[in-house]
Amino acid sequence: MAETGLTWMSATEALKLFKAKKLSPVEMMDAAIKRAKKVMPKLNPFSNLHFKEARAKAKAAEARYARGEETGALEGLPLVVKEEATIAGLTATSGSLPLKDNIADETLAIVERCFDAGAIMHARTTTPEFSAAVITHTKLWGVTRNPWNTDYTPGGSSGGTAASVAAGVAPIGTGSDIGGSIRVPASTCGLVGFKPPYGRNPEGRIFNLDHFAVEGPLARSIADCVLLQNVMSGPHPRDIASLRPKLTLPTTFKSVRGMKIALSMDLGFIRVSKEVQKNTMDAVAKLHDAGAIVEEVDLGWTPAVKTAAFGHLSHIFGAALGPMLRSHRHELTDYVAFLADQARSSTALDFIEAQRMVGVMYDTLGPMLQKYEALICPTTAIPAVAADHCPVNGHVEIDGVTVDPGFDWVMTWPFNLMGHCPVLSVPSGTGKNGVPTGLQIVASPYEDEKVFRVGAAVEAADPWFTRPARRPKLKSSKKGK
């Protein structure tokens, strides 16, 4: 089979061919490694490479299939792993210069489950430092770029994973999300990304006790996202917050015909570009055509939501960075130093106000999700910012209006406040710069299947990556590049 066919093959299709002995995991891994080498100089999405080990494991998987042995749910599949996820015996830098020689002593539960299911990691992927931004560049690794237009960011903080999966390096990859870190790169790279509800997937300490923070999957299709999520989910003995019993998502979803869906274009307070609005309405039209009833609603949320969200983030996440700020300020990125500085003035009252705001927000969202089965909105307000964008001092305009450069161009973080709600991002179209945009789908707490049901309907009307025209070209939009 040609390399291009293997490069874009879905995980679910590859597993069928492995089991039928029509494709070898070695063939697929060789294609993945070849593709990784091709995209590496253009995108810079990798923190570490494990090609030799991966090929040896692919040979072992090939032998298991040949002997007809029982195989894991991900047996022989190439997998990229976000470097923020620790793996015992390997570096654990979180993209930070001061930690460049740090070695992990345990493997994060979701990664352990992927390995136990037979997935084979051939690359670890870049993140912003400490996963603290929705772009991906660090002093340690440099700038990671978007495969659809290399002038732009792939998003963050799971930017390296998203760039790799979108560029054909692997069909599936791991991510984490504390303010949009799965959904933003899913949107900017044309992928399916799932922020599971708090506790659905085990998390590492101490952030397993923070309802903002979750681990989850990135993939090129609904089916592959479900496949990986079903491996990741379930209670774990090292995570007191992980939920019982395990939820296993179905592999097919019923029609959205007759399903009532609420639409909020701006969540009440976020400026959204005209091109993102158009793509969102195109996705709404697909849902209408599939028989869904989509009605615009007013959430009544205000900019106070942002104050609350970042009151929570700075008090917990920012404070966790305090010791690093005191001893290594000159080595930190500007966005990490900024966040840690903000935390120095954060108070317990700021944190309590964030918790109060969750109740205020859910006073609207909760009853709305009783009347409607899901809420949809854009994932980002513009397709993307520049690859080297500075979240502290950079410049972002939305249709000629300047907005805060950090998080005002994304629409994900309000739903980290609503941490118990499942949220899925699926592609909604592309911007004038060629960078994809996303549709965010939200359901009531722990009703995961509903977001996949809506996402599957959007995907069925306009699948991505199945046609060569819908695959990234790894090029800049600048003349001559």
Protein backbone atom coordinates (compact mmCIF):
# COMPACT_ATOMS: atom_id res chain seq x y z
CA MET A 1 0.00 0.00 0.00
CA ALA A 2 1.31 3.47 -0.88
CA GLU A 3 2.71 5.57 1.95
CA THR A 4 0.08 8.27 1.35
CA GLY A 5 -2.70 5.74 1.93
CA LEU A 6 -1.16 4.62 5.21
CA THR A 7 -0.44 8.19 6.26
CA TRP A 8 -4.12 9.11 6.17
CA MET A 9 -5.62 5.77 7.16
CA SER A 10 -7.89 5.89 10.17
CA ALA A 11 -7.09 3.94 13.31
CA THR A 12 -10.32 1.94 13.03
CA GLU A 13 -9.59 0.94 9.42
CA ALA A 14 -5.99 0.00 10.23
CA LEU A 15 -7.13 -2.29 13.06
CA LYS A 16 -9.52 -4.11 10.69
CA LEU A 17 -6.70 -4.65 8.20
CA PHE A 18 -4.29 -5.80 10.91
CA LYS A 19 -6.79 -8.40 12.09
CA ALA A 20 -7.48 -9.54 8.52
CA LYS A 21 -3.68 -9.85 7.97
CA LYS A 22 -3.95 -7.46 5.01
CA LEU A 23 -1.71 -4.84 6.63
CA SER A 24 1.21 -5.15 8.99
CA PRO A 25 1.80 -2.80 11.94
CA VAL A 26 5.39 -2.61 10.67
CA GLU A 27 4.21 -1.20 7.33
CA MET A 28 2.08 1.38 9.08
CA MET A 29 4.85 2.33 11.50
CA ASP A 30 7.38 2.67 8.69
CA ALA A 31 4.99 5.04 6.90
CA ALA A 32 4.43 6.99 10.12
CA ILE A 33 8.16 7.34 10.73
CA LYS A 34 8.78 8.42 7.15
CA ARG A 35 6.01 11.01 7.46
CA ALA A 36 7.38 12.24 10.79
CA LYS A 37 10.78 12.84 9.21
CA LYS A 38 9.12 14.82 6.40
CA VAL A 39 7.04 17.10 8.62
CA MET A 40 9.66 17.63 11.34
CA PRO A 41 11.61 20.49 9.71
CA LYS A 42 8.43 22.27 8.61
CA LEU A 43 6.31 21.99 11.73
CA ASN A 44 8.69 21.26 14.65
CA PRO A 45 6.01 19.23 16.50
CA PHE A 46 8.25 16.73 18.35
CA SER A 47 10.03 16.92 21.68
CA ASN A 48 11.47 13.38 21.50
CA LEU A 49 11.61 10.64 18.87
CA HIS A 50 11.48 6.90 19.54
CA PHE A 51 11.66 5.39 16.06
CA LYS A 52 13.91 2.40 16.80
CA GLU A 53 11.88 1.28 19.82
CA ALA A 54 8.62 1.85 17.95
CA ARG A 55 9.66 -0.30 15.01
CA ALA A 56 10.68 -3.14 17.35
CA LYS A 57 7.28 -2.96 19.06
CA ALA A 58 5.54 -2.91 15.67
CA LYS A 59 7.34 -6.15 14.77
CA ALA A 60 6.14 -7.72 18.02
CA ALA A 61 2.57 -6.61 17.26
CA GLU A 62 2.88 -8.02 13.74
CA ALA A 63 3.87 -11.38 15.21
CA ARG A 64 0.89 -11.38 17.61
CA TYR A 65 -1.53 -10.77 14.74
CA ALA A 66 0.20 -13.44 12.63
CA ARG A 67 -0.20 -16.01 15.40
CA GLY A 68 -3.86 -15.09 15.91
CA GLU A 69 -3.30 -14.11 19.53
CA GLU A 70 -5.62 -11.88 21.49
CA THR A 71 -4.71 -8.26 20.80
CA GLY A 72 -5.36 -4.96 22.53
CA ALA A 73 -7.86 -2.32 21.48
CA LEU A 74 -5.05 -0.20 19.94
CA GLU A 75 -2.67 -3.04 19.02
CA GLY A 76 0.02 -1.88 16.59
CA LEU A 77 -1.30 1.66 16.06
CA PRO A 78 1.14 4.60 15.90
CA LEU A 79 0.47 7.04 18.74
CA VAL A 80 1.87 10.47 19.54
CA VAL A 81 1.99 11.47 23.22
CA LYS A 82 1.99 15.01 24.57
CA GLU A 83 5.25 15.56 26.46
CA GLU A 84 3.34 16.93 29.46
CA ALA A 85 2.18 13.33 30.06
CA THR A 86 4.90 11.66 32.09
CA ILE A 87 6.44 8.32 31.11
CA ALA A 88 8.66 6.55 33.62
CA GLY A 89 12.33 6.71 32.69
CA LEU A 90 11.87 9.40 30.02
CA THR A 91 12.36 13.14 30.19
CA ALA A 92 9.58 15.18 31.78
CA THR A 93 10.36 18.80 30.95
CA SER A 94 6.92 20.31 30.30
CA GLY A 95 8.74 22.42 27.74
CA SER A 96 10.73 24.26 30.42
CA LEU A 97 14.46 24.97 30.25
CA PRO A 98 14.99 24.54 34.01
CA LEU A 99 13.59 20.99 33.72
CA LYS A 100 15.47 19.97 30.57
CA ASP A 101 17.21 17.08 32.39
CA ASN A 102 14.26 16.02 34.55
CA ILE A 103 13.31 12.33 34.36
CA ALA A 104 9.84 10.98 35.22
CA ASP A 105 9.44 8.24 37.80
CA GLU A 106 5.92 7.18 36.81
CA THR A 107 3.74 6.87 33.72
CA LEU A 108 0.53 8.88 33.54
CA ALA A 109 -2.49 6.58 33.77
CA ILE A 110 -3.99 7.40 30.36
CA VAL A 111 -0.65 6.76 28.64
CA GLU A 112 -0.20 3.53 30.57
CA ARG A 113 -3.63 2.44 29.32
CA CYS A 114 -2.76 3.27 25.72
CA PHE A 115 0.45 1.25 25.96
CA ASP A 116 -1.35 -1.64 27.66
CA ALA A 117 -3.89 -1.58 24.79
CA GLY A 118 -1.04 -2.03 22.29
CA ALA A 119 -0.55 1.51 20.98
CA ILE A 120 3.05 2.28 19.96
CA MET A 121 4.57 5.67 20.67
CA HIS A 122 7.03 6.77 18.01
CA ALA A 123 7.08 10.46 18.98
CA ARG A 124 6.39 12.72 21.94
CA THR A 125 4.98 16.10 21.09
CA THR A 126 5.62 19.71 22.00
CA THR A 127 3.60 21.92 24.32
CA PRO A 128 3.90 25.50 25.51
CA GLU A 129 5.89 25.72 28.74
CA PHE A 130 3.90 24.03 31.53
CA SER A 131 0.96 23.86 29.09
CA ALA A 132 0.26 27.46 30.10
CA ALA A 133 -0.92 28.95 26.77
CA VAL A 134 -3.08 28.26 23.72
CA ILE A 135 -0.09 28.61 21.38
CA THR A 136 2.92 26.27 21.21
CA HIS A 137 6.39 27.77 21.43
CA THR A 138 9.04 27.53 24.15
CA LYS A 139 12.64 28.47 24.84
CA LEU A 140 13.43 24.75 25.02
CA TRP A 141 11.93 23.56 21.71
CA GLY A 142 11.27 26.66 19.62
CA VAL A 143 8.12 27.32 17.57
CA THR A 144 5.64 24.61 16.53
CA ARG A 145 3.63 25.40 13.39
CA ASN A 146 0.25 24.63 11.86
CA PRO A 147 0.29 22.09 8.99
CA TRP A 148 -2.49 23.95 7.14
CA ASN A 149 -0.51 27.19 7.08
CA THR A 150 2.90 27.21 8.73
CA ASP A 151 2.70 30.94 9.48
CA TYR A 152 0.08 30.14 12.14
CA THR A 153 -0.02 28.30 15.45
CA PRO A 154 -1.48 24.80 15.74
CA GLY A 155 -3.00 26.04 18.99
CA GLY A 156 -2.09 24.84 22.43
CA SER A 157 -1.35 23.47 24.74
CA SER A 158 -1.67 20.12 22.89
CA GLY A 159 -0.27 21.83 19.80
CA GLY A 160 2.43 19.31 18.92
CA THR A 161 -0.04 16.43 19.12
CA ALA A 162 -2.61 18.25 16.97
CA ALA A 163 -0.05 19.27 14.35
CA SER A 164 1.26 15.69 14.18
CA VAL A 165 -2.14 14.02 13.86
CA ALA A 166 -3.35 16.57 11.30
CA ALA A 167 -0.15 16.16 9.28
CA GLY A 168 -0.51 12.37 9.04
CA VAL A 169 2.19 11.35 11.54
CA ALA A 170 -0.28 9.26 13.57
CA PRO A 171 -4.03 8.67 13.50
CA ILE A 172 -4.42 9.35 17.24
CA GLY A 173 -2.72 11.30 19.99
CA THR A 174 -3.01 12.29 23.63
CA GLY A 175 -3.84 15.74 24.94
CA SER A 176 -4.81 17.55 28.12
CA ASP A 177 -7.14 20.47 28.72
CA ILE A 178 -7.20 23.06 31.51
CA GLY A 179 -8.48 26.06 29.49
CA GLY A 180 -9.01 24.67 25.99
CA SER A 181 -5.78 22.78 25.42
CA ILE A 182 -7.46 19.91 23.54
CA ARG A 183 -10.25 21.83 21.83
CA VAL A 184 -8.24 24.84 20.59
CA PRO A 185 -5.66 22.74 18.69
CA ALA A 186 -8.45 20.46 17.47
CA SER A 187 -10.12 23.52 15.97
CA THR A 188 -7.02 25.10 14.45
CA CYS A 189 -5.84 21.78 12.97
CA GLY A 190 -9.18 20.43 11.69
CA LEU A 191 -9.41 17.58 14.19
CA VAL A 192 -11.88 16.01 16.59
CA GLY A 193 -10.90 16.78 20.18
CA PHE A 194 -12.74 15.75 23.34
CA LYS A 195 -12.64 17.40 26.75
CA PRO A 196 -14.17 14.68 28.90
CA PRO A 197 -16.11 15.63 32.01
CA TYR A 198 -14.09 15.87 35.21
CA GLY A 199 -13.19 12.45 36.55
CA ARG A 200 -14.07 10.49 33.41
CA ASN A 201 -10.41 9.90 32.56
CA PRO A 202 -7.80 9.51 35.30
CA GLU A 203 -5.47 12.49 35.78
CA GLY A 204 -2.12 12.86 37.50
CA ARG A 205 -1.81 14.51 40.88
CA ILE A 206 -2.22 17.28 41.96
CA PHE A 207 -4.39 18.44 39.11
CA ASN A 208 -6.67 15.41 39.39
CA LEU A 209 -8.28 17.43 42.19
CA ASP A 210 -8.89 20.48 39.96
CA HIS A 211 -12.13 20.25 37.96
CA PHE A 212 -10.60 22.48 35.25
CA ALA A 213 -7.97 19.85 34.34
CA VAL A 214 -8.58 16.70 32.27
CA GLU A 215 -6.75 14.32 29.91
CA GLY A 216 -8.31 13.37 26.59
CA PRO A 217 -8.00 12.28 22.94
CA LEU A 218 -7.28 13.98 19.61
CA ALA A 219 -8.01 12.24 16.30
CA ARG A 220 -8.99 12.86 12.69
CA SER A 221 -12.48 11.37 13.01
CA ILE A 222 -15.27 10.76 15.48
CA ALA A 223 -14.73 6.98 15.30
CA ASP A 224 -11.02 7.25 16.12
CA CYS A 225 -11.68 9.75 18.91
CA VAL A 226 -14.20 7.33 20.45
CA LEU A 227 -11.73 4.45 20.09
CA LEU A 228 -9.04 6.30 22.03
CA GLN A 229 -11.44 7.75 24.61
CA ASN A 230 -12.78 4.29 25.43
CA VAL A 231 -9.24 3.13 26.18
CA MET A 232 -8.45 6.17 28.35
CA SER A 233 -11.62 6.25 30.45
CA GLY A 234 -12.54 4.56 33.69
CA PRO A 235 -11.59 4.54 37.37
CA HIS A 236 -7.96 4.20 38.35
CA PRO A 237 -6.47 3.19 41.72
CA ARG A 238 -4.08 6.16 41.71
CA ASP A 239 -6.78 8.79 41.11
CA ILE A 240 -9.30 9.34 43.89
CA ALA A 241 -11.39 11.59 41.62
CA SER A 242 -11.77 9.08 38.76
CA LEU A 243 -15.35 7.98 38.19
CA ARG A 244 -17.01 4.62 38.66
CA PRO A 245 -18.24 2.80 36.69
CA LYS A 246 -16.33 3.12 33.42
CA LEU A 247 -18.37 4.62 30.59
CA THR A 248 -17.87 2.96 27.20
CA LEU A 249 -19.07 5.07 24.28
CA PRO A 250 -20.87 3.36 21.38
CA THR A 251 -19.16 3.07 18.01
CA THR A 252 -22.21 4.36 16.13
CA PHE A 253 -24.66 7.11 17.01
CA LYS A 254 -28.31 7.54 16.22
CA SER A 255 -29.56 10.34 14.01
CA VAL A 256 -30.00 13.87 15.38
CA ARG A 257 -33.45 14.02 13.74
CA GLY A 258 -35.78 15.76 16.17
CA MET A 259 -32.92 16.63 18.55
CA LYS A 260 -33.21 20.15 20.02
CA ILE A 261 -29.90 22.02 20.03
CA ALA A 262 -29.18 25.49 21.42
CA LEU A 263 -26.84 27.87 19.57
CA SER A 264 -24.87 30.69 21.17
CA MET A 265 -22.60 32.45 18.70
CA ASP A 266 -20.75 34.55 21.26
CA LEU A 267 -21.56 33.07 24.71
CA GLY A 268 -22.95 36.52 25.51
CA PHE A 269 -19.66 38.44 25.65
CA ILE A 270 -16.99 37.21 23.18
CA ARG A 271 -16.33 38.99 19.88
CA VAL A 272 -16.43 36.45 17.03
CA SER A 273 -15.10 37.08 13.52
CA LYS A 274 -17.45 37.09 10.55
CA GLU A 275 -15.67 34.15 8.91
CA VAL A 276 -16.00 32.00 12.04
CA GLN A 277 -19.67 33.00 12.32
CA LYS A 278 -20.21 31.93 8.70
CA ASN A 279 -18.54 28.56 9.25
CA THR A 280 -20.58 28.03 12.40
CA MET A 281 -23.80 28.72 10.50
CA ASP A 282 -22.67 26.29 7.78
CA ALA A 283 -22.38 23.62 10.49
CA VAL A 284 -25.83 24.62 11.79
CA ALA A 285 -27.19 24.13 8.28
CA LYS A 286 -25.76 20.60 8.23
CA LEU A 287 -27.54 19.86 11.50
CA HIS A 288 -30.78 21.30 10.13
CA ASP A 289 -30.43 19.11 7.03
CA ALA A 290 -29.95 16.09 9.31
CA GLY A 291 -33.25 16.89 11.02
CA ALA A 292 -32.08 18.67 14.17
CA ILE A 293 -33.90 21.70 15.56
CA VAL A 294 -31.34 24.43 16.23
CA GLU A 295 -32.43 27.59 18.04
CA GLU A 296 -30.35 30.62 19.05
CA VAL A 297 -30.28 31.33 22.78
CA ASP A 298 -28.95 34.01 25.13
CA LEU A 299 -26.78 32.64 27.92
CA GLY A 300 -26.58 36.01 29.61
CA TRP A 301 -22.92 35.46 30.51
CA THR A 302 -20.72 38.55 30.88
CA PRO A 303 -16.98 39.38 31.00
CA ALA A 304 -17.16 38.56 34.73
CA VAL A 305 -16.83 34.94 33.58
CA LYS A 306 -13.28 35.67 32.43
CA THR A 307 -12.36 37.31 35.72
CA ALA A 308 -13.61 34.24 37.58
CA ALA A 309 -11.93 31.72 35.29
CA PHE A 310 -8.55 33.38 35.60
CA GLY A 311 -9.05 33.92 39.31
CA HIS A 312 -9.24 30.14 39.56
CA LEU A 313 -6.37 29.47 37.14
CA SER A 314 -3.98 31.98 38.68
CA HIS A 315 -4.74 30.86 42.23
CA ILE A 316 -4.05 27.18 41.53
CA PHE A 317 -2.11 26.81 38.30
CA GLY A 318 -0.21 30.06 38.61
CA ALA A 319 0.63 29.45 42.26
CA ALA A 320 2.05 26.02 41.37
CA LEU A 321 4.58 27.88 39.20
CA GLY A 322 5.65 30.22 42.02
CA PRO A 323 8.76 28.30 43.13
CA MET A 324 9.97 28.12 39.53
CA LEU A 325 9.50 31.89 39.16
CA ARG A 326 11.60 32.62 42.24
CA SER A 327 14.54 30.46 41.17
CA HIS A 328 14.46 30.50 37.35
CA ARG A 329 12.65 33.67 36.19
CA HIS A 330 15.25 34.48 33.51
CA GLU A 331 14.81 31.03 31.93
CA LEU A 332 11.00 31.06 31.78
CA THR A 333 8.87 32.13 28.85
CA ASP A 334 7.12 35.47 29.12
CA TYR A 335 3.69 33.86 29.35
CA VAL A 336 4.68 31.58 32.25
CA ALA A 337 6.36 34.42 34.14
CA PHE A 338 3.25 36.56 33.61
CA LEU A 339 0.92 33.88 34.94
CA ALA A 340 3.11 33.20 37.95
CA ASP A 341 3.38 36.93 38.67
CA GLN A 342 -0.40 37.24 38.56
CA ALA A 343 -0.70 34.45 41.10
CA ARG A 344 1.31 36.45 43.63
CA SER A 345 -1.61 38.85 44.04
CA SER A 346 -4.31 36.17 43.91
CA THR A 347 -6.30 35.66 47.11
CA ALA A 348 -8.53 32.97 48.53
CA LEU A 349 -11.44 35.34 47.90
CA ASP A 350 -10.58 35.38 44.17
CA PHE A 351 -10.76 31.61 44.17
CA ILE A 352 -14.07 31.62 46.05
CA GLU A 353 -15.48 34.14 43.57
CA ALA A 354 -14.60 31.75 40.74
CA GLN A 355 -16.55 28.98 42.45
CA ARG A 356 -19.51 31.36 42.96
CA MET A 357 -19.42 32.24 39.26
CA VAL A 358 -19.72 28.56 38.33
CA GLY A 359 -23.08 28.57 40.10
CA VAL A 360 -24.18 31.79 38.39
CA MET A 361 -23.24 30.42 34.95
CA TYR A 362 -24.93 27.09 35.57
CA ASP A 363 -28.12 28.86 36.70
CA THR A 364 -28.49 29.61 32.98
CA LEU A 365 -26.76 26.68 31.33
CA GLY A 366 -28.27 23.94 33.51
CA PRO A 367 -31.95 24.73 32.76
CA MET A 368 -31.03 25.37 29.11
CA LEU A 369 -29.58 21.88 28.83
CA GLN A 370 -32.86 20.51 30.17
CA LYS A 371 -34.77 22.21 27.37
CA TYR A 372 -32.12 21.42 24.74
CA GLU A 373 -30.01 18.27 24.45
CA ALA A 374 -26.82 20.17 23.60
CA LEU A 375 -25.37 23.65 23.20
CA ILE A 376 -23.18 24.59 20.23
CA CYS A 377 -20.85 27.55 19.73
CA PRO A 378 -17.57 28.28 17.93
CA THR A 379 -14.40 26.82 19.43
CA THR A 380 -12.26 29.83 18.53
CA ALA A 381 -13.29 33.37 17.57
CA ILE A 382 -10.73 33.54 14.73
CA PRO A 383 -9.06 30.62 12.93
CA ALA A 384 -5.67 31.11 14.65
CA VAL A 385 -2.96 33.58 15.63
CA ALA A 386 0.62 33.66 14.34
CA ALA A 387 2.88 30.73 15.20
CA ASP A 388 5.21 32.95 17.25
CA HIS A 389 2.40 35.01 18.81
CA CYS A 390 3.10 36.39 22.28
CA PRO A 391 0.10 35.84 24.60
CA VAL A 392 1.30 38.65 26.89
CA ASN A 393 2.36 41.49 24.59
CA GLY A 394 1.14 40.33 21.19
CA HIS A 395 -1.60 41.91 19.09
CA VAL A 396 -4.89 40.25 18.15
CA GLU A 397 -7.64 41.88 16.10
CA ILE A 398 -11.08 40.50 15.39
CA ASP A 399 -12.64 42.26 12.41
CA GLY A 400 -10.62 45.38 13.14
CA VAL A 401 -11.19 45.44 16.90
CA THR A 402 -8.21 44.83 19.20
CA VAL A 403 -8.77 42.21 21.90
CA ASP A 404 -6.67 40.78 24.71
CA PRO A 405 -3.87 38.70 23.14
CA GLY A 406 -3.96 35.86 25.65
CA PHE A 407 -7.31 34.10 25.61
CA ASP A 408 -9.83 36.48 24.00
CA TRP A 409 -9.55 34.72 20.63
CA VAL A 410 -10.66 31.35 22.05
CA MET A 411 -14.04 30.28 23.45
CA THR A 412 -13.10 27.17 25.37
CA TRP A 413 -12.19 28.26 28.90
CA PRO A 414 -15.77 29.05 30.08
CA PHE A 415 -16.43 25.33 29.83
CA ASN A 416 -13.48 24.49 32.07
CA LEU A 417 -15.41 26.39 34.73
CA MET A 418 -18.24 24.00 33.77
CA GLY A 419 -15.77 21.14 34.24
CA HIS A 420 -18.35 18.40 34.67
CA CYS A 421 -19.81 19.02 31.19
CA PRO A 422 -18.44 16.97 28.27
CA VAL A 423 -17.28 19.19 25.38
CA LEU A 424 -16.32 18.11 21.85
CA SER A 425 -14.77 20.17 19.05
CA VAL A 426 -15.29 19.15 15.42
CA PRO A 427 -14.26 20.94 12.20
CA SER A 428 -16.67 23.60 10.90
CA GLY A 429 -14.75 24.96 7.90
CA THR A 430 -11.63 26.95 7.03
CA GLY A 431 -10.69 30.61 7.23
CA LYS A 432 -9.32 32.80 4.47
CA ASN A 433 -5.82 31.92 5.67
CA GLY A 434 -6.49 28.21 5.10
CA VAL A 435 -6.53 27.40 8.83
CA PRO A 436 -9.52 25.33 10.01
CA THR A 437 -12.20 26.47 12.43
CA GLY A 438 -14.16 24.40 14.91
CA LEU A 439 -17.63 23.88 16.32
CA GLN A 440 -17.81 23.30 20.08
CA ILE A 441 -20.53 20.95 21.37
CA VAL A 442 -21.53 20.94 25.06
CA ALA A 443 -23.90 18.62 26.93
CA SER A 444 -25.18 18.25 30.49
CA PRO A 445 -22.76 16.83 33.06
CA TYR A 446 -21.60 13.30 32.19
CA GLU A 447 -23.85 12.96 29.11
CA ASP A 448 -20.84 12.28 26.88
CA GLU A 449 -22.71 10.38 24.20
CA LYS A 450 -24.77 13.45 23.26
CA VAL A 451 -21.78 15.52 22.15
CA PHE A 452 -20.54 12.67 19.96
CA ARG A 453 -24.00 12.22 18.50
CA VAL A 454 -24.06 15.85 17.35
CA GLY A 455 -20.44 15.72 16.21
CA ALA A 456 -21.10 12.57 14.17
CA ALA A 457 -23.95 14.32 12.35
CA VAL A 458 -21.71 17.26 11.40
CA GLU A 459 -18.94 14.89 10.29
CA ALA A 460 -21.30 12.72 8.23
CA ALA A 461 -22.36 15.76 6.20
CA ASP A 462 -18.79 16.81 5.43
CA PRO A 463 -16.01 14.37 6.40
CA TRP A 464 -12.47 15.72 6.73
CA PHE A 465 -9.21 14.06 5.62
CA THR A 466 -11.04 11.57 3.40
CA ARG A 467 -10.23 13.65 0.31
CA PRO A 468 -6.74 14.88 -0.68
CA ALA A 469 -8.09 18.43 -0.97
CA ARG A 470 -8.96 18.28 2.72
CA ARG A 471 -5.42 17.50 3.83
CA PRO A 472 -2.79 20.06 4.89
CA LYS A 473 -0.01 20.96 2.47
CA LEU A 474 2.62 21.99 5.07
CA LYS A 475 3.12 25.36 3.37
CA SER A 476 3.33 29.01 4.34
CA SER A 477 0.90 31.50 2.84
CA LYS A 478 3.74 34.00 2.47
CA LYS A 479 4.86 34.59 -1.09
CA GLY A 480 7.70 32.37 -2.19
CA LYS A 481 7.43 29.92 0.71
